[in-house]
Amino acid sequence: MRPSTGAPLGRPGRLLCLAFVTAVGIPLFILPAHQTTNLTKIFDPSAAASVDPQPLEIHWIVLMAGLVAAYLAGRPLFRGRFPLPPGARLVGGLGLAFFIALIAGLIVSPRPLSVVYFVQTCIPLVGFLVGSYLVDSVSSVRKIALLLVTVTTISITLILILAVHYGALSSGWDSLRSLAKAIPQLRGHFPYIVAASLSMALGTFELVRGRWNKGLLLMAILIHLLFYSLTWSRTAVLMLGVVAITPVLLVLRSTSRRALIARVVVAGALLAGGVVLLSQYSALAKRWQLRGFGSTDSRRVEYAVTSVKKIAGNPLFGRMFLADWEQNPLEDEPLRVPRIYKAHNQYLDYGVRAGLPAMILLGWIILRVGRDLRLILKSSATVPEMRPLAVGVTGALLAAAFGGLFQLILVQAQTGSLAWLLVGVTFSLADVVRSSGSESIAIDHGA
């Protein structure tokens, strides 16, 4: 049996990693140019339009990632050897591919900005270490899930209160746009956090004991669904659909078809569909009138083709983290700083940044995630409590996989940290299944 992944952390390390999980669920950004936080703009959304286009926004998960990385790097120096978590070589290989591409880029054109984009790309990988070292049992996964759900529910509740106060739910499109400017990435990236948290809530519902606790979790699920009245992103709706359907399909394939969680996820899927139909229709219709989805889709095809050409130009290293002033076809506002071409596709984006090796390693990681999730689901035949957790993690990762077709889920600090954290959770939980008997896992859950 392997050593417990959580043991080397110590109490300070575990608290720091749990703080990392907490930070993921809060849409708090810092704007260095204004020396303030974007969160303060929520109290006056009408003033958001006066902010300079494309402000430099840094999510506070960056600070937490730095603290966690410093702790994990420094602890072996004082406490001896630090065991590598499952899958560390694969993820480390991806980081190495990024580093080699960076060095190649610095040789071609030494630009400090290339280092900035390299660091931005690697920061979410810290989430993998957090997920890996926090998981040493089934109960630890449940605790991570409930912590994420709690924090995200509080964030959504505050956003909904502010939306009601400023009339975003009643006055429609204009207020929604103003609110989206006041809350960074409200319609672009935070929806993935909500989708992943919703998936974990659905997955842990069956494991929660007591009517009061189940009632609170059910209320949290409803609050997550209400969030979708504030976003008009089709990718957000797609991720919601994935999260709603995945538990239904997985539960229907299980032997315990009458499990309470089956009824909950079916009801949640139907309710989610109703919320989307009622709240999204006017916002989506208005956006169609203003911008037109048809032209937007054709442009997405255009810059996907452009991304493929950039990768083909240097398959080994991609663009080597070299930034330029090339404008994205979908953006009307001028760029404030040079940047890597925005592919709006996570898989192509890795190729643009670091070439085919990064894309191949990402594909390899995805295949291993699928294999490990199947192993965890199979273990539920003897350990039923494994299935709800596997359902939650599967839905969250599938949402990232499908959302990554249209957004940069893995590169953005907030969303990428959560997605990689769940990858670490999957690898470590599967390792627990391999190295522990079903009996010991069940005893751990009941403790």
Protein backbone atom coordinates (compact mmCIF):
# COMPACT_ATOMS: atom_id res chain seq x y z
CA MET A 1 0.00 0.00 0.00
CA ARG A 2 1.33 3.43 -0.91
CA PRO A 3 1.95 6.08 1.76
CA SER A 4 -1.00 8.32 2.47
CA THR A 5 -0.82 11.30 0.14
CA GLY A 6 -2.28 13.55 2.78
CA ALA A 7 0.22 12.62 5.50
CA PRO A 8 3.25 14.60 4.27
CA LEU A 9 1.32 17.87 4.24
CA GLY A 10 1.01 18.26 8.00
CA ARG A 11 -1.73 20.37 9.55
CA PRO A 12 -0.49 23.75 8.18
CA GLY A 13 -0.22 22.30 4.68
CA ARG A 14 -3.71 20.80 4.76
CA LEU A 15 -5.18 24.07 5.97
CA LEU A 16 -3.35 25.92 3.21
CA CYS A 17 -4.65 23.48 0.59
CA LEU A 18 -8.21 23.78 1.96
CA ALA A 19 -7.83 27.56 1.73
CA PHE A 20 -6.85 27.00 -1.91
CA VAL A 21 -10.12 25.11 -2.49
CA THR A 22 -12.01 27.94 -0.79
CA ALA A 23 -10.37 30.56 -3.02
CA VAL A 24 -11.53 28.74 -6.15
CA GLY A 25 -15.20 29.38 -5.40
CA ILE A 26 -14.94 33.16 -4.91
CA PRO A 27 -14.90 35.45 -7.99
CA LEU A 28 -12.47 37.93 -6.45
CA PHE A 29 -10.10 39.70 -8.83
CA ILE A 30 -7.46 42.38 -8.34
CA LEU A 31 -6.83 45.18 -10.82
CA PRO A 32 -3.22 46.35 -10.35
CA ALA A 33 -3.72 49.32 -12.67
CA HIS A 34 -6.45 50.69 -10.40
CA GLN A 35 -4.98 49.37 -7.14
CA THR A 36 -8.37 48.06 -6.10
CA THR A 37 -10.49 44.93 -6.47
CA ASN A 38 -13.08 44.30 -9.12
CA LEU A 39 -15.36 43.07 -6.36
CA THR A 40 -15.86 46.65 -5.17
CA LYS A 41 -17.42 47.54 -8.52
CA ILE A 42 -20.36 45.31 -7.68
CA PHE A 43 -21.71 48.06 -5.45
CA ASP A 44 -21.95 50.40 -8.43
CA PRO A 45 -22.35 48.37 -11.64
CA SER A 46 -23.25 51.51 -13.60
CA ALA A 47 -19.69 52.73 -13.11
CA ALA A 48 -18.24 49.58 -14.62
CA ALA A 49 -18.57 50.97 -18.14
CA SER A 50 -16.09 53.72 -17.31
CA VAL A 51 -13.32 51.23 -16.56
CA ASP A 52 -10.61 50.96 -19.20
CA PRO A 53 -11.15 48.11 -21.68
CA GLN A 54 -9.48 44.82 -20.82
CA PRO A 55 -8.15 45.72 -17.36
CA LEU A 56 -5.39 43.54 -15.97
CA GLU A 57 -7.35 41.17 -13.75
CA ILE A 58 -5.62 38.76 -11.41
CA HIS A 59 -7.69 36.22 -9.52
CA TRP A 60 -6.66 35.78 -5.92
CA ILE A 61 -6.15 32.06 -6.51
CA VAL A 62 -2.79 33.15 -7.95
CA LEU A 63 -1.70 34.22 -4.45
CA MET A 64 -2.93 30.96 -2.94
CA ALA A 65 -1.16 28.95 -5.65
CA GLY A 66 2.08 30.77 -4.85
CA LEU A 67 1.74 30.00 -1.14
CA VAL A 68 0.94 26.33 -1.76
CA ALA A 69 3.81 25.95 -4.23
CA ALA A 70 6.23 27.59 -1.80
CA TYR A 71 5.08 25.29 1.02
CA LEU A 72 5.33 22.12 -1.09
CA ALA A 73 8.73 23.16 -2.44
CA GLY A 74 10.14 24.08 0.96
CA ARG A 75 8.84 21.19 3.07
CA PRO A 76 11.11 18.45 1.61
CA LEU A 77 14.16 20.58 2.47
CA PHE A 78 13.29 20.38 6.15
CA ARG A 79 11.23 17.19 6.54
CA GLY A 80 12.85 14.71 4.18
CA ARG A 81 11.64 13.13 0.95
CA PHE A 82 8.27 14.21 -0.39
CA PRO A 83 6.39 11.36 -2.17
CA LEU A 84 5.19 12.09 -5.69
CA PRO A 85 1.40 11.82 -6.09
CA PRO A 86 -0.16 9.49 -8.68
CA GLY A 87 0.07 10.91 -12.18
CA ALA A 88 2.73 13.45 -11.19
CA ARG A 89 5.06 12.34 -13.98
CA LEU A 90 2.40 12.92 -16.62
CA VAL A 91 1.46 16.36 -15.34
CA GLY A 92 5.11 17.15 -14.72
CA GLY A 93 5.84 16.16 -18.32
CA LEU A 94 3.24 18.69 -19.44
CA GLY A 95 4.94 21.36 -17.34
CA LEU A 96 8.28 20.34 -18.83
CA ALA A 97 6.86 20.71 -22.35
CA PHE A 98 5.77 24.24 -21.43
CA PHE A 99 9.23 25.01 -20.03
CA ILE A 100 11.07 23.70 -23.12
CA ALA A 101 8.80 25.78 -25.36
CA LEU A 102 9.52 28.83 -23.19
CA ILE A 103 13.29 28.33 -23.45
CA ALA A 104 13.00 27.96 -27.23
CA GLY A 105 11.01 31.20 -27.34
CA LEU A 106 13.51 33.08 -25.19
CA ILE A 107 16.32 31.96 -27.50
CA VAL A 108 14.42 33.27 -30.52
CA SER A 109 13.28 36.51 -28.86
CA PRO A 110 14.02 37.18 -25.17
CA ARG A 111 10.86 38.83 -23.88
CA PRO A 112 9.92 39.06 -20.19
CA LEU A 113 6.25 38.83 -21.18
CA SER A 114 6.85 35.26 -22.39
CA VAL A 115 7.81 34.29 -18.84
CA VAL A 116 4.60 35.89 -17.56
CA TYR A 117 2.47 33.80 -19.93
CA PHE A 118 4.43 30.68 -19.03
CA VAL A 119 3.75 31.26 -15.33
CA GLN A 120 0.09 31.97 -16.11
CA THR A 121 -0.16 28.62 -17.91
CA CYS A 122 1.53 26.68 -15.09
CA ILE A 123 -0.28 28.24 -12.11
CA PRO A 124 -3.40 26.03 -12.49
CA LEU A 125 -1.18 22.92 -12.32
CA VAL A 126 -0.71 23.68 -8.61
CA GLY A 127 -4.35 22.62 -8.26
CA PHE A 128 -3.31 19.11 -9.30
CA LEU A 129 -0.93 18.92 -6.34
CA VAL A 130 -3.58 20.27 -3.97
CA GLY A 131 -6.13 17.67 -5.09
CA SER A 132 -3.57 14.88 -4.95
CA TYR A 133 -2.23 15.59 -1.48
CA LEU A 134 -5.62 16.29 0.09
CA VAL A 135 -7.05 12.92 -0.93
CA ASP A 136 -6.17 9.86 1.09
CA SER A 137 -9.65 8.38 1.55
CA VAL A 138 -13.25 8.54 0.37
CA SER A 139 -14.22 10.88 3.20
CA SER A 140 -11.56 13.42 2.19
CA VAL A 141 -13.13 13.70 -1.27
CA ARG A 142 -16.52 14.30 0.32
CA LYS A 143 -15.07 17.07 2.49
CA ILE A 144 -13.47 18.78 -0.52
CA ALA A 145 -16.76 18.59 -2.41
CA LEU A 146 -18.83 20.05 0.43
CA LEU A 147 -16.30 22.85 1.01
CA LEU A 148 -16.40 23.83 -2.67
CA VAL A 149 -20.21 23.69 -2.73
CA THR A 150 -20.50 25.82 0.42
CA VAL A 151 -18.17 28.56 -0.77
CA THR A 152 -19.63 28.67 -4.28
CA THR A 153 -23.17 28.81 -2.90
CA ILE A 154 -22.26 31.81 -0.73
CA SER A 155 -20.69 33.56 -3.74
CA ILE A 156 -23.74 32.91 -5.93
CA THR A 157 -26.09 34.08 -3.19
CA LEU A 158 -24.26 37.40 -2.90
CA ILE A 159 -24.31 37.81 -6.68
CA LEU A 160 -28.05 37.06 -6.83
CA ILE A 161 -28.77 39.57 -4.05
CA LEU A 162 -26.85 42.26 -5.91
CA ALA A 163 -28.54 41.29 -9.17
CA VAL A 164 -31.97 41.71 -7.57
CA HIS A 165 -30.92 45.02 -6.01
CA TYR A 166 -29.81 46.44 -9.35
CA GLY A 167 -32.72 44.96 -11.30
CA ALA A 168 -30.63 42.62 -13.42
CA LEU A 169 -33.26 39.89 -13.14
CA SER A 170 -36.15 42.12 -14.16
CA SER A 171 -34.74 44.76 -16.53
CA GLY A 172 -32.92 42.24 -18.68
CA TRP A 173 -30.04 42.56 -21.10
CA ASP A 174 -28.56 45.96 -20.25
CA SER A 175 -28.42 45.25 -16.52
CA LEU A 176 -26.98 41.81 -17.16
CA ARG A 177 -24.16 43.33 -19.22
CA SER A 178 -23.49 45.91 -16.52
CA LEU A 179 -23.43 43.24 -13.82
CA ALA A 180 -21.07 41.11 -15.92
CA LYS A 181 -18.67 44.04 -16.14
CA ALA A 182 -18.87 44.54 -12.40
CA ILE A 183 -18.17 40.87 -11.66
CA PRO A 184 -15.21 39.61 -13.70
CA GLN A 185 -15.82 36.59 -15.91
CA LEU A 186 -19.39 36.26 -14.66
CA ARG A 187 -20.58 35.05 -18.02
CA GLY A 188 -17.33 33.58 -19.30
CA HIS A 189 -15.47 31.54 -16.71
CA PHE A 190 -17.25 31.57 -13.36
CA PRO A 191 -20.05 29.44 -14.90
CA TYR A 192 -17.61 26.51 -14.98
CA ILE A 193 -17.00 26.89 -11.25
CA VAL A 194 -20.77 26.83 -10.75
CA ALA A 195 -21.20 23.80 -13.03
CA ALA A 196 -18.44 21.84 -11.29
CA SER A 197 -19.75 22.77 -7.85
CA LEU A 198 -23.27 21.77 -8.88
CA SER A 199 -21.98 18.41 -10.08
CA MET A 200 -20.22 17.81 -6.75
CA ALA A 201 -23.40 18.81 -4.89
CA LEU A 202 -25.45 16.29 -6.87
CA GLY A 203 -22.80 13.65 -6.29
CA THR A 204 -22.61 14.10 -2.52
CA PHE A 205 -26.35 14.44 -1.89
CA GLU A 206 -26.79 10.73 -1.23
CA LEU A 207 -23.90 10.71 1.25
CA VAL A 208 -25.20 13.55 3.42
CA ARG A 209 -26.92 12.37 6.58
CA GLY A 210 -29.88 14.04 8.30
CA ARG A 211 -32.91 15.87 6.91
CA TRP A 212 -31.54 19.28 7.87
CA ASN A 213 -28.25 18.69 6.04
CA LYS A 214 -30.02 17.27 3.00
CA GLY A 215 -32.33 20.28 2.98
CA LEU A 216 -29.39 22.68 3.05
CA LEU A 217 -27.66 20.85 0.22
CA LEU A 218 -30.86 20.81 -1.83
CA MET A 219 -31.17 24.57 -1.29
CA ALA A 220 -27.56 24.97 -2.45
CA ILE A 221 -28.41 23.03 -5.63
CA LEU A 222 -31.36 25.35 -6.32
CA ILE A 223 -29.16 28.41 -5.77
CA HIS A 224 -26.63 27.03 -8.26
CA LEU A 225 -29.39 26.64 -10.84
CA LEU A 226 -30.65 30.17 -10.24
CA PHE A 227 -27.22 31.47 -11.20
CA TYR A 228 -27.98 30.59 -14.82
CA SER A 229 -30.56 33.35 -14.95
CA LEU A 230 -27.59 35.77 -14.95
CA THR A 231 -25.55 34.37 -17.82
CA TRP A 232 -26.24 34.31 -21.53
CA SER A 233 -23.19 32.22 -22.43
CA ARG A 234 -24.05 29.22 -24.56
CA THR A 235 -20.99 27.43 -23.22
CA ALA A 236 -22.37 27.89 -19.70
CA VAL A 237 -25.66 26.32 -20.80
CA LEU A 238 -23.75 23.46 -22.44
CA MET A 239 -21.80 22.76 -19.24
CA LEU A 240 -25.03 22.85 -17.24
CA GLY A 241 -26.53 20.28 -19.59
CA VAL A 242 -23.49 18.02 -19.23
CA VAL A 243 -23.65 18.24 -15.44
CA ALA A 244 -27.40 17.52 -15.44
CA ILE A 245 -27.25 14.56 -17.82
CA THR A 246 -24.09 12.81 -16.61
CA PRO A 247 -25.42 11.78 -13.17
CA VAL A 248 -28.64 10.51 -14.72
CA LEU A 249 -26.82 8.29 -17.21
CA LEU A 250 -24.35 6.95 -14.64
CA VAL A 251 -27.01 6.28 -12.00
CA LEU A 252 -29.31 4.53 -14.48
CA ARG A 253 -26.43 2.18 -15.32
CA SER A 254 -25.92 1.27 -11.67
CA THR A 255 -27.57 -1.65 -9.90
CA SER A 256 -29.19 0.67 -7.34
CA ARG A 257 -31.75 2.37 -9.57
CA ARG A 258 -33.98 3.33 -6.68
CA ALA A 259 -31.24 5.25 -4.90
CA LEU A 260 -32.33 8.64 -3.67
CA ILE A 261 -29.68 10.37 -5.68
CA ALA A 262 -31.31 9.14 -8.91
CA ARG A 263 -34.50 11.02 -8.08
CA VAL A 264 -32.54 14.10 -7.09
CA VAL A 265 -30.49 14.30 -10.26
CA VAL A 266 -33.53 13.70 -12.47
CA ALA A 267 -35.43 16.45 -10.65
CA GLY A 268 -32.34 18.67 -10.87
CA ALA A 269 -32.03 18.06 -14.60
CA LEU A 270 -35.68 18.92 -15.20
CA LEU A 271 -35.45 22.00 -13.00
CA ALA A 272 -32.25 23.08 -14.72
CA GLY A 273 -33.97 22.76 -18.08
CA GLY A 274 -36.86 24.88 -16.85
CA VAL A 275 -34.57 27.56 -15.48
CA VAL A 276 -32.65 27.73 -18.75
CA LEU A 277 -35.79 27.89 -20.89
CA LEU A 278 -37.37 30.61 -18.77
CA SER A 279 -34.35 32.79 -18.05
CA GLN A 280 -32.15 32.31 -21.09
CA TYR A 281 -34.69 32.95 -23.82
CA SER A 282 -34.84 36.75 -23.59
CA ALA A 283 -31.10 37.20 -22.96
CA LEU A 284 -30.11 34.90 -25.80
CA ALA A 285 -32.63 36.48 -28.14
CA LYS A 286 -31.35 39.95 -27.31
CA ARG A 287 -27.76 38.92 -27.87
CA TRP A 288 -28.77 37.40 -31.21
CA GLN A 289 -30.17 40.77 -32.22
CA LEU A 290 -27.09 42.72 -31.12
CA ARG A 291 -24.29 40.48 -32.35
CA GLY A 292 -25.74 37.49 -34.13
CA PHE A 293 -24.74 33.97 -33.24
CA GLY A 294 -24.27 32.99 -36.88
CA SER A 295 -21.42 35.45 -37.45
CA THR A 296 -19.94 34.55 -34.08
CA ASP A 297 -19.85 30.86 -34.96
CA SER A 298 -18.23 31.49 -38.34
CA ARG A 299 -15.55 33.58 -36.63
CA ARG A 300 -14.88 30.80 -34.15
CA VAL A 301 -14.23 28.46 -37.05
CA GLU A 302 -11.93 31.11 -38.52
CA TYR A 303 -9.68 31.45 -35.51
CA ALA A 304 -9.71 27.69 -34.92
CA VAL A 305 -8.28 27.33 -38.41
CA THR A 306 -5.80 30.11 -37.66
CA SER A 307 -4.72 28.29 -34.49
CA VAL A 308 -4.14 25.05 -36.43
CA LYS A 309 -1.98 26.97 -38.91
CA LYS A 310 0.07 28.47 -36.08
CA ILE A 311 0.66 25.00 -34.63
CA ALA A 312 1.55 23.60 -38.05
CA GLY A 313 4.09 26.39 -38.47
CA ASN A 314 6.11 25.00 -35.54
CA PRO A 315 4.71 21.64 -34.41
CA LEU A 316 7.46 21.00 -31.87
CA PHE A 317 7.24 24.22 -29.86
CA GLY A 318 4.14 26.10 -31.11
CA ARG A 319 4.34 29.85 -30.63
CA MET A 320 6.83 29.31 -27.77
CA PHE A 321 4.88 31.71 -25.50
CA LEU A 322 5.76 34.60 -27.80
CA ALA A 323 3.06 37.29 -27.59
CA ASP A 324 2.05 39.67 -30.36
CA TRP A 325 -0.58 42.29 -31.17
CA GLU A 326 -2.73 40.02 -33.35
CA GLN A 327 -6.38 40.83 -32.70
CA ASN A 328 -8.96 38.13 -32.08
CA PRO A 329 -11.75 38.35 -34.70
CA LEU A 330 -14.47 38.37 -32.01
CA GLU A 331 -13.06 41.34 -30.10
CA ASP A 332 -13.92 44.91 -30.94
CA GLU A 333 -11.76 46.62 -28.29
CA PRO A 334 -8.04 47.16 -28.93
CA LEU A 335 -5.47 45.11 -27.06
CA ARG A 336 -3.68 46.84 -24.18
CA VAL A 337 -0.74 44.42 -24.12
CA PRO A 338 0.66 41.84 -26.55
CA ARG A 339 -0.62 38.35 -25.93
CA ILE A 340 -0.68 34.80 -27.22
CA TYR A 341 -3.29 34.26 -29.91
CA LYS A 342 -6.58 33.47 -28.19
CA ALA A 343 -7.84 30.24 -29.72
CA HIS A 344 -11.07 30.03 -27.69
CA ASN A 345 -10.36 26.29 -27.61
CA GLN A 346 -8.37 24.83 -24.74
CA TYR A 347 -6.87 21.98 -26.75
CA LEU A 348 -5.70 24.18 -29.59
CA ASP A 349 -4.52 26.80 -27.12
CA TYR A 350 -2.05 24.35 -25.54
CA GLY A 351 -0.76 23.64 -29.05
CA VAL A 352 -0.41 27.33 -29.84
CA ARG A 353 1.52 27.91 -26.62
CA ALA A 354 3.81 24.86 -26.62
CA GLY A 355 3.23 22.74 -29.72
CA LEU A 356 2.08 19.17 -30.30
CA PRO A 357 3.94 17.69 -27.28
CA ALA A 358 1.67 19.69 -24.94
CA MET A 359 -1.43 18.58 -26.85
CA ILE A 360 -0.35 14.92 -26.81
CA LEU A 361 0.40 14.98 -23.08
CA LEU A 362 -2.98 16.61 -22.39
CA GLY A 363 -4.67 13.88 -24.42
CA TRP A 364 -2.72 11.24 -22.47
CA ILE A 365 -3.86 12.78 -19.18
CA ILE A 366 -7.48 12.81 -20.38
CA LEU A 367 -7.25 9.11 -21.28
CA ARG A 368 -5.86 8.27 -17.84
CA VAL A 369 -8.62 10.31 -16.17
CA GLY A 370 -11.20 8.29 -18.08
CA ARG A 371 -9.54 5.01 -17.11
CA ASP A 372 -9.32 5.96 -13.44
CA LEU A 373 -12.92 7.14 -13.31
CA ARG A 374 -14.06 3.80 -14.74
CA LEU A 375 -12.03 2.04 -12.05
CA ILE A 376 -13.65 4.14 -9.32
CA LEU A 377 -17.11 3.46 -10.72
CA LYS A 378 -16.42 -0.28 -10.83
CA SER A 379 -15.36 -0.22 -7.18
CA SER A 380 -18.85 1.00 -6.29
CA ALA A 381 -20.13 -2.54 -6.79
CA THR A 382 -18.66 -3.38 -3.37
CA VAL A 383 -18.43 0.17 -1.98
CA PRO A 384 -21.69 1.93 -2.96
CA GLU A 385 -20.59 5.31 -1.55
CA MET A 386 -17.90 5.48 -4.25
CA ARG A 387 -20.46 5.94 -7.04
CA PRO A 388 -21.95 9.28 -5.89
CA LEU A 389 -18.48 10.82 -5.54
CA ALA A 390 -17.41 9.42 -8.91
CA VAL A 391 -20.60 10.81 -10.45
CA GLY A 392 -19.83 14.28 -9.11
CA VAL A 393 -16.21 14.29 -10.24
CA THR A 394 -17.11 12.83 -13.66
CA GLY A 395 -19.73 15.51 -14.31
CA ALA A 396 -17.34 18.29 -13.29
CA LEU A 397 -14.52 17.01 -15.49
CA LEU A 398 -16.83 16.39 -18.46
CA ALA A 399 -18.06 19.97 -18.11
CA ALA A 400 -14.44 21.12 -18.35
CA ALA A 401 -13.84 18.83 -21.34
CA PHE A 402 -16.83 20.14 -23.29
CA GLY A 403 -16.42 23.73 -22.10
CA GLY A 404 -12.79 23.58 -23.20
CA LEU A 405 -13.98 23.30 -26.81
CA PHE A 406 -15.06 26.95 -26.63
CA GLN A 407 -13.20 28.50 -23.68
CA LEU A 408 -9.75 28.35 -22.07
CA ILE A 409 -10.84 26.40 -19.00
CA LEU A 410 -7.40 25.00 -18.12
CA VAL A 411 -5.39 28.20 -18.60
CA GLN A 412 -7.50 30.66 -16.61
CA ALA A 413 -6.32 30.74 -13.00
CA GLN A 414 -9.70 30.21 -11.33
CA THR A 415 -11.20 27.58 -13.62
CA GLY A 416 -7.92 25.82 -14.39
CA SER A 417 -7.06 25.44 -10.71
CA LEU A 418 -10.36 23.66 -10.07
CA ALA A 419 -10.16 21.45 -13.16
CA TRP A 420 -6.61 20.32 -12.36
CA LEU A 421 -7.56 19.87 -8.70
CA LEU A 422 -10.25 17.42 -9.80
CA VAL A 423 -7.71 15.60 -11.98
CA GLY A 424 -5.52 15.20 -8.89
CA VAL A 425 -8.52 13.99 -6.88
CA THR A 426 -9.31 11.40 -9.56
CA PHE A 427 -5.77 10.04 -9.77
CA SER A 428 -5.39 9.82 -5.98
CA LEU A 429 -8.83 8.30 -5.37
CA ALA A 430 -8.15 5.65 -8.02
CA ASP A 431 -4.83 4.97 -6.31
CA VAL A 432 -6.66 4.49 -3.02
CA VAL A 433 -8.90 1.94 -4.76
CA ARG A 434 -5.90 0.09 -6.20
CA SER A 435 -3.88 0.03 -2.99
CA SER A 436 -6.70 -0.53 -0.49
CA GLY A 437 -9.26 -3.27 -0.17
CA SER A 438 -12.94 -2.44 -0.43
CA GLU A 439 -13.37 -3.24 3.25
CA SER A 440 -10.89 -0.60 4.41
CA ILE A 441 -12.43 2.00 2.13
CA ALA A 442 -15.88 1.31 3.53
CA ILE A 443 -14.61 1.53 7.11
CA ASP A 444 -12.99 4.86 6.34
CA HIS A 445 -16.25 6.23 5.00
CA GLY A 446 -18.17 5.16 8.04
CA ALA A 447 -15.65 6.68 10.46
